[in-house]
PDB file of all heavy atoms in Angstrom:
ATOM      1  N   GLU A   1     -46.287   6.337 -11.323  1.00  0.00           N
ATOM      2  CA  GLU A   1     -45.841   4.928 -11.400  1.00  0.00           C
ATOM      3  C   GLU A   1     -44.623   4.711 -10.491  1.00  0.00           C
ATOM      4  O   GLU A   1     -44.560   3.724  -9.742  1.00  0.00           O
ATOM      5  CB  GLU A   1     -45.506   4.572 -12.852  1.00  0.00           C
ATOM      6  CG  GLU A   1     -44.993   3.188 -13.079  1.00  0.00           C
ATOM      7  CD  GLU A   1     -44.610   2.969 -14.530  1.00  0.00           C
ATOM      8  OE1 GLU A   1     -45.178   3.618 -15.428  1.00  0.00           O
ATOM      9  OE2 GLU A   1     -43.710   2.132 -14.759  1.00  0.00           O
ATOM     10  N   HIS A   2     -43.686   5.608 -10.570  1.00  0.00           N
ATOM     11  CA  HIS A   2     -42.485   5.510  -9.772  1.00  0.00           C
ATOM     12  C   HIS A   2     -42.822   5.542  -8.255  1.00  0.00           C
ATOM     13  O   HIS A   2     -42.296   4.768  -7.472  1.00  0.00           O
ATOM     14  CB  HIS A   2     -41.496   6.648 -10.127  1.00  0.00           C
ATOM     15  CG  HIS A   2     -40.238   6.622  -9.377  1.00  0.00           C
ATOM     16  ND1 HIS A   2     -39.190   5.799  -9.739  1.00  0.00           N
ATOM     17  CD2 HIS A   2     -39.815   7.315  -8.290  1.00  0.00           C
ATOM     18  CE1 HIS A   2     -38.179   5.979  -8.895  1.00  0.00           C
ATOM     19  NE2 HIS A   2     -38.545   6.900  -8.005  1.00  0.00           N
ATOM     20  N   GLU A   3     -43.690   6.463  -7.881  1.00  0.00           N
ATOM     21  CA  GLU A   3     -44.081   6.606  -6.483  1.00  0.00           C
ATOM     22  C   GLU A   3     -44.867   5.390  -5.995  1.00  0.00           C
ATOM     23  O   GLU A   3     -44.683   4.935  -4.867  1.00  0.00           O
ATOM     24  CB  GLU A   3     -44.854   7.892  -6.256  1.00  0.00           C
ATOM     25  CG  GLU A   3     -43.964   9.113  -6.284  1.00  0.00           C
ATOM     26  CD  GLU A   3     -42.868   9.065  -5.246  1.00  0.00           C
ATOM     27  OE1 GLU A   3     -43.173   8.957  -4.050  1.00  0.00           O
ATOM     28  OE2 GLU A   3     -41.695   9.094  -5.632  1.00  0.00           O
ATOM     29  N   ARG A   4     -45.780   4.880  -6.827  1.00  0.00           N
ATOM     30  CA  ARG A   4     -46.524   3.671  -6.458  1.00  0.00           C
ATOM     31  C   ARG A   4     -45.578   2.517  -6.167  1.00  0.00           C
ATOM     32  O   ARG A   4     -45.732   1.820  -5.176  1.00  0.00           O
ATOM     33  CB  ARG A   4     -47.499   3.283  -7.565  1.00  0.00           C
ATOM     34  CG  ARG A   4     -48.834   3.949  -7.490  1.00  0.00           C
ATOM     35  CD  ARG A   4     -49.842   3.280  -8.419  1.00  0.00           C
ATOM     36  NE  ARG A   4     -49.375   3.174  -9.794  1.00  0.00           N
ATOM     37  CZ  ARG A   4     -49.525   4.116 -10.708  1.00  0.00           C
ATOM     38  NH1 ARG A   4     -50.131   5.248 -10.433  1.00  0.00           N
ATOM     39  NH2 ARG A   4     -49.084   3.926 -11.925  1.00  0.00           N
ATOM     40  N   GLU A   5     -44.617   2.326  -7.047  1.00  0.00           N
ATOM     41  CA  GLU A   5     -43.683   1.211  -6.867  1.00  0.00           C
ATOM     42  C   GLU A   5     -42.840   1.411  -5.608  1.00  0.00           C
ATOM     43  O   GLU A   5     -42.572   0.448  -4.891  1.00  0.00           O
ATOM     44  CB  GLU A   5     -42.807   1.042  -8.108  1.00  0.00           C
ATOM     45  CG  GLU A   5     -41.920  -0.175  -8.069  1.00  0.00           C
ATOM     46  CD  GLU A   5     -42.655  -1.511  -7.853  1.00  0.00           C
ATOM     47  OE1 GLU A   5     -43.840  -1.626  -8.216  1.00  0.00           O
ATOM     48  OE2 GLU A   5     -42.021  -2.447  -7.304  1.00  0.00           O
ATOM     49  N   ALA A   6     -42.425   2.630  -5.346  1.00  0.00           N
ATOM     50  CA  ALA A   6     -41.659   2.889  -4.126  1.00  0.00           C
ATOM     51  C   ALA A   6     -42.497   2.551  -2.899  1.00  0.00           C
ATOM     52  O   ALA A   6     -41.979   1.941  -1.923  1.00  0.00           O
ATOM     53  CB  ALA A   6     -41.200   4.356  -4.088  1.00  0.00           C
ATOM     54  N   CYS A   7     -43.757   2.920  -2.875  1.00  0.00           N
ATOM     55  CA  CYS A   7     -44.627   2.617  -1.742  1.00  0.00           C
ATOM     56  C   CYS A   7     -44.855   1.103  -1.630  1.00  0.00           C
ATOM     57  O   CYS A   7     -44.829   0.541  -0.520  1.00  0.00           O
ATOM     58  CB  CYS A   7     -45.970   3.327  -1.901  1.00  0.00           C
ATOM     59  SG  CYS A   7     -45.842   5.115  -1.761  1.00  0.00           S
ATOM     60  N   ALA A   8     -45.060   0.446  -2.753  1.00  0.00           N
ATOM     61  CA  ALA A   8     -45.265  -1.000  -2.727  1.00  0.00           C
ATOM     62  C   ALA A   8     -44.003  -1.732  -2.197  1.00  0.00           C
ATOM     63  O   ALA A   8     -44.143  -2.727  -1.475  1.00  0.00           O
ATOM     64  CB  ALA A   8     -45.634  -1.505  -4.117  1.00  0.00           C
ATOM     65  N   LYS A   9     -42.848  -1.219  -2.530  1.00  0.00           N
ATOM     66  CA  LYS A   9     -41.610  -1.839  -2.059  1.00  0.00           C
ATOM     67  C   LYS A   9     -41.483  -1.713  -0.527  1.00  0.00           C
ATOM     68  O   LYS A   9     -40.994  -2.621   0.127  1.00  0.00           O
ATOM     69  CB  LYS A   9     -40.405  -1.238  -2.758  1.00  0.00           C
ATOM     70  CG  LYS A   9     -40.229  -1.724  -4.159  1.00  0.00           C
ATOM     71  CD  LYS A   9     -39.025  -1.094  -4.843  1.00  0.00           C
ATOM     72  CE  LYS A   9     -38.894  -1.628  -6.260  1.00  0.00           C
ATOM     73  NZ  LYS A   9     -37.737  -1.053  -6.943  1.00  0.00           N
ATOM     74  N   VAL A  10     -41.957  -0.603   0.030  1.00  0.00           N
ATOM     75  CA  VAL A  10     -41.955  -0.454   1.494  1.00  0.00           C
ATOM     76  C   VAL A  10     -42.853  -1.542   2.080  1.00  0.00           C
ATOM     77  O   VAL A  10     -42.474  -2.200   3.082  1.00  0.00           O
ATOM     78  CB  VAL A  10     -42.451   0.937   1.926  1.00  0.00           C
ATOM     79  CG1 VAL A  10     -42.691   0.998   3.415  1.00  0.00           C
ATOM     80  CG2 VAL A  10     -41.429   2.004   1.497  1.00  0.00           C
ATOM     81  N   CYS A  11     -44.001  -1.764   1.494  1.00  0.00           N
ATOM     82  CA  CYS A  11     -44.899  -2.814   1.974  1.00  0.00           C
ATOM     83  C   CYS A  11     -44.236  -4.194   1.843  1.00  0.00           C
ATOM     84  O   CYS A  11     -44.413  -5.040   2.736  1.00  0.00           O
ATOM     85  CB  CYS A  11     -46.225  -2.797   1.238  1.00  0.00           C
ATOM     86  SG  CYS A  11     -47.219  -1.325   1.561  1.00  0.00           S
ATOM     87  N   ASP A  12     -43.539  -4.420   0.742  1.00  0.00           N
ATOM     88  CA  ASP A  12     -42.833  -5.700   0.553  1.00  0.00           C
ATOM     89  C   ASP A  12     -41.824  -5.942   1.684  1.00  0.00           C
ATOM     90  O   ASP A  12     -41.716  -7.054   2.196  1.00  0.00           O
ATOM     91  CB  ASP A  12     -42.099  -5.730  -0.776  1.00  0.00           C
ATOM     92  CG  ASP A  12     -43.018  -5.807  -1.989  1.00  0.00           C
ATOM     93  OD1 ASP A  12     -44.191  -6.229  -1.837  1.00  0.00           O
ATOM     94  OD2 ASP A  12     -42.561  -5.449  -3.092  1.00  0.00           O
ATOM     95  N   VAL A  13     -41.096  -4.906   2.045  1.00  0.00           N
ATOM     96  CA  VAL A  13     -40.112  -5.013   3.120  1.00  0.00           C
ATOM     97  C   VAL A  13     -40.820  -5.313   4.441  1.00  0.00           C
ATOM     98  O   VAL A  13     -40.388  -6.177   5.206  1.00  0.00           O
ATOM     99  CB  VAL A  13     -39.255  -3.742   3.215  1.00  0.00           C
ATOM    100  CG1 VAL A  13     -38.414  -3.732   4.481  1.00  0.00           C
ATOM    101  CG2 VAL A  13     -38.353  -3.611   1.996  1.00  0.00           C
ATOM    102  N   LEU A  14     -41.885  -4.566   4.703  1.00  0.00           N
ATOM    103  CA  LEU A  14     -42.634  -4.815   5.938  1.00  0.00           C
ATOM    104  C   LEU A  14     -43.244  -6.210   5.990  1.00  0.00           C
ATOM    105  O   LEU A  14     -43.366  -6.804   7.075  1.00  0.00           O
ATOM    106  CB  LEU A  14     -43.728  -3.757   6.110  1.00  0.00           C
ATOM    107  CG  LEU A  14     -43.234  -2.333   6.357  1.00  0.00           C
ATOM    108  CD1 LEU A  14     -44.412  -1.364   6.385  1.00  0.00           C
ATOM    109  CD2 LEU A  14     -42.442  -2.243   7.638  1.00  0.00           C
ATOM    110  N   ALA A  15     -43.611  -6.743   4.857  1.00  0.00           N
ATOM    111  CA  ALA A  15     -44.265  -8.053   4.783  1.00  0.00           C
ATOM    112  C   ALA A  15     -43.332  -9.170   5.260  1.00  0.00           C
ATOM    113  O   ALA A  15     -43.812 -10.234   5.672  1.00  0.00           O
ATOM    114  CB  ALA A  15     -44.741  -8.337   3.365  1.00  0.00           C
ATOM    115  N   VAL A  16     -42.028  -8.964   5.217  1.00  0.00           N
ATOM    116  CA  VAL A  16     -41.092  -9.995   5.662  1.00  0.00           C
ATOM    117  C   VAL A  16     -40.370  -9.595   6.945  1.00  0.00           C
ATOM    118  O   VAL A  16     -39.553 -10.337   7.465  1.00  0.00           O
ATOM    119  CB  VAL A  16     -40.050 -10.353   4.581  1.00  0.00           C
ATOM    120  CG1 VAL A  16     -40.768 -10.940   3.352  1.00  0.00           C
ATOM    121  CG2 VAL A  16     -39.229  -9.146   4.165  1.00  0.00           C
ATOM    122  N   HIS A  17     -40.675  -8.410   7.463  1.00  0.00           N
ATOM    123  CA  HIS A  17     -40.039  -7.958   8.704  1.00  0.00           C
ATOM    124  C   HIS A  17     -40.712  -8.660   9.874  1.00  0.00           C
ATOM    125  O   HIS A  17     -41.940  -8.699   9.958  1.00  0.00           O
ATOM    126  CB  HIS A  17     -40.220  -6.433   8.849  1.00  0.00           C
ATOM    127  CG  HIS A  17     -39.472  -5.833   9.965  1.00  0.00           C
ATOM    128  ND1 HIS A  17     -39.922  -5.905  11.262  1.00  0.00           N
ATOM    129  CD2 HIS A  17     -38.302  -5.172   9.986  1.00  0.00           C
ATOM    130  CE1 HIS A  17     -39.062  -5.297  12.043  1.00  0.00           C
ATOM    131  NE2 HIS A  17     -38.071  -4.842  11.292  1.00  0.00           N
ATOM    132  N   PRO A  18     -39.911  -9.241  10.777  1.00  0.00           N
ATOM    133  CA  PRO A  18     -40.481 -10.019  11.895  1.00  0.00           C
ATOM    134  C   PRO A  18     -41.529  -9.241  12.715  1.00  0.00           C
ATOM    135  O   PRO A  18     -42.514  -9.822  13.171  1.00  0.00           O
ATOM    136  CB  PRO A  18     -39.275 -10.376  12.756  1.00  0.00           C
ATOM    137  CG  PRO A  18     -38.098 -10.215  11.860  1.00  0.00           C
ATOM    138  CD  PRO A  18     -38.470  -9.203  10.826  1.00  0.00           C
ATOM    139  N   GLU A  19     -41.314  -7.984  12.915  1.00  0.00           N
ATOM    140  CA  GLU A  19     -42.225  -7.185  13.780  1.00  0.00           C
ATOM    141  C   GLU A  19     -43.506  -6.770  13.038  1.00  0.00           C
ATOM    142  O   GLU A  19     -44.543  -6.598  13.653  1.00  0.00           O
ATOM    143  CB  GLU A  19     -41.492  -5.951  14.280  1.00  0.00           C
ATOM    144  CG  GLU A  19     -42.245  -5.198  15.345  1.00  0.00           C
ATOM    145  CD  GLU A  19     -41.437  -4.047  15.916  1.00  0.00           C
ATOM    146  OE1 GLU A  19     -40.189  -4.056  15.817  1.00  0.00           O
ATOM    147  OE2 GLU A  19     -42.063  -3.143  16.495  1.00  0.00           O
ATOM    148  N   TYR A  20     -43.442  -6.611  11.720  1.00  0.00           N
ATOM    149  CA  TYR A  20     -44.587  -6.055  10.980  1.00  0.00           C
ATOM    150  C   TYR A  20     -45.226  -7.041   9.995  1.00  0.00           C
ATOM    151  O   TYR A  20     -46.228  -6.700   9.377  1.00  0.00           O
ATOM    152  CB  TYR A  20     -44.155  -4.798  10.213  1.00  0.00           C
ATOM    153  CG  TYR A  20     -43.582  -3.744  11.105  1.00  0.00           C
ATOM    154  CD1 TYR A  20     -42.216  -3.459  11.094  1.00  0.00           C
ATOM    155  CD2 TYR A  20     -44.392  -3.018  11.977  1.00  0.00           C
ATOM    156  CE1 TYR A  20     -41.685  -2.497  11.934  1.00  0.00           C
ATOM    157  CE2 TYR A  20     -43.853  -2.054  12.815  1.00  0.00           C
ATOM    158  CZ  TYR A  20     -42.497  -1.803  12.780  1.00  0.00           C
ATOM    159  OH  TYR A  20     -41.992  -0.831  13.603  1.00  0.00           O
ATOM    160  N   ALA A  21     -44.643  -8.200   9.811  1.00  0.00           N
ATOM    161  CA  ALA A  21     -45.129  -9.140   8.803  1.00  0.00           C
ATOM    162  C   ALA A  21     -46.605  -9.486   9.045  1.00  0.00           C
ATOM    163  O   ALA A  21     -46.984  -9.835  10.166  1.00  0.00           O
ATOM    164  CB  ALA A  21     -44.270 -10.382   8.802  1.00  0.00           C
ATOM    165  N   SER A  22     -47.359  -9.401   7.990  1.00  0.00           N
ATOM    166  CA  SER A  22     -48.765  -9.815   8.039  1.00  0.00           C
ATOM    167  C   SER A  22     -49.297  -9.916   6.618  1.00  0.00           C
ATOM    168  O   SER A  22     -48.683  -9.416   5.679  1.00  0.00           O
ATOM    169  CB  SER A  22     -49.618  -8.828   8.861  1.00  0.00           C
ATOM    170  OG  SER A  22     -49.825  -7.639   8.123  1.00  0.00           O
ATOM    171  N   ASP A  23     -50.442 -10.521   6.496  1.00  0.00           N
ATOM    172  CA  ASP A  23     -51.074 -10.585   5.178  1.00  0.00           C
ATOM    173  C   ASP A  23     -51.496  -9.199   4.711  1.00  0.00           C
ATOM    174  O   ASP A  23     -51.556  -8.943   3.505  1.00  0.00           O
ATOM    175  CB  ASP A  23     -52.302 -11.507   5.223  1.00  0.00           C
ATOM    176  CG  ASP A  23     -51.893 -12.967   5.369  1.00  0.00           C
ATOM    177  OD1 ASP A  23     -50.736 -13.323   5.048  1.00  0.00           O
ATOM    178  OD2 ASP A  23     -52.738 -13.758   5.836  1.00  0.00           O
ATOM    179  N   ILE A  24     -51.759  -8.296   5.640  1.00  0.00           N
ATOM    180  CA  ILE A  24     -52.187  -6.964   5.282  1.00  0.00           C
ATOM    181  C   ILE A  24     -51.109  -6.229   4.485  1.00  0.00           C
ATOM    182  O   ILE A  24     -51.407  -5.563   3.502  1.00  0.00           O
ATOM    183  CB  ILE A  24     -52.571  -6.146   6.559  1.00  0.00           C
ATOM    184  CG1 ILE A  24     -53.787  -6.736   7.215  1.00  0.00           C
ATOM    185  CG2 ILE A  24     -52.783  -4.682   6.224  1.00  0.00           C
ATOM    186  CD1 ILE A  24     -55.049  -6.709   6.405  1.00  0.00           C
TER     187      ILE A  24
END
């Protein structure tokens, strides 16, 4: 659970990063 949330948070950060933001 802890590792899943850590990975999901990386995706959350990338989702708002200008260079990496995407629906994916």
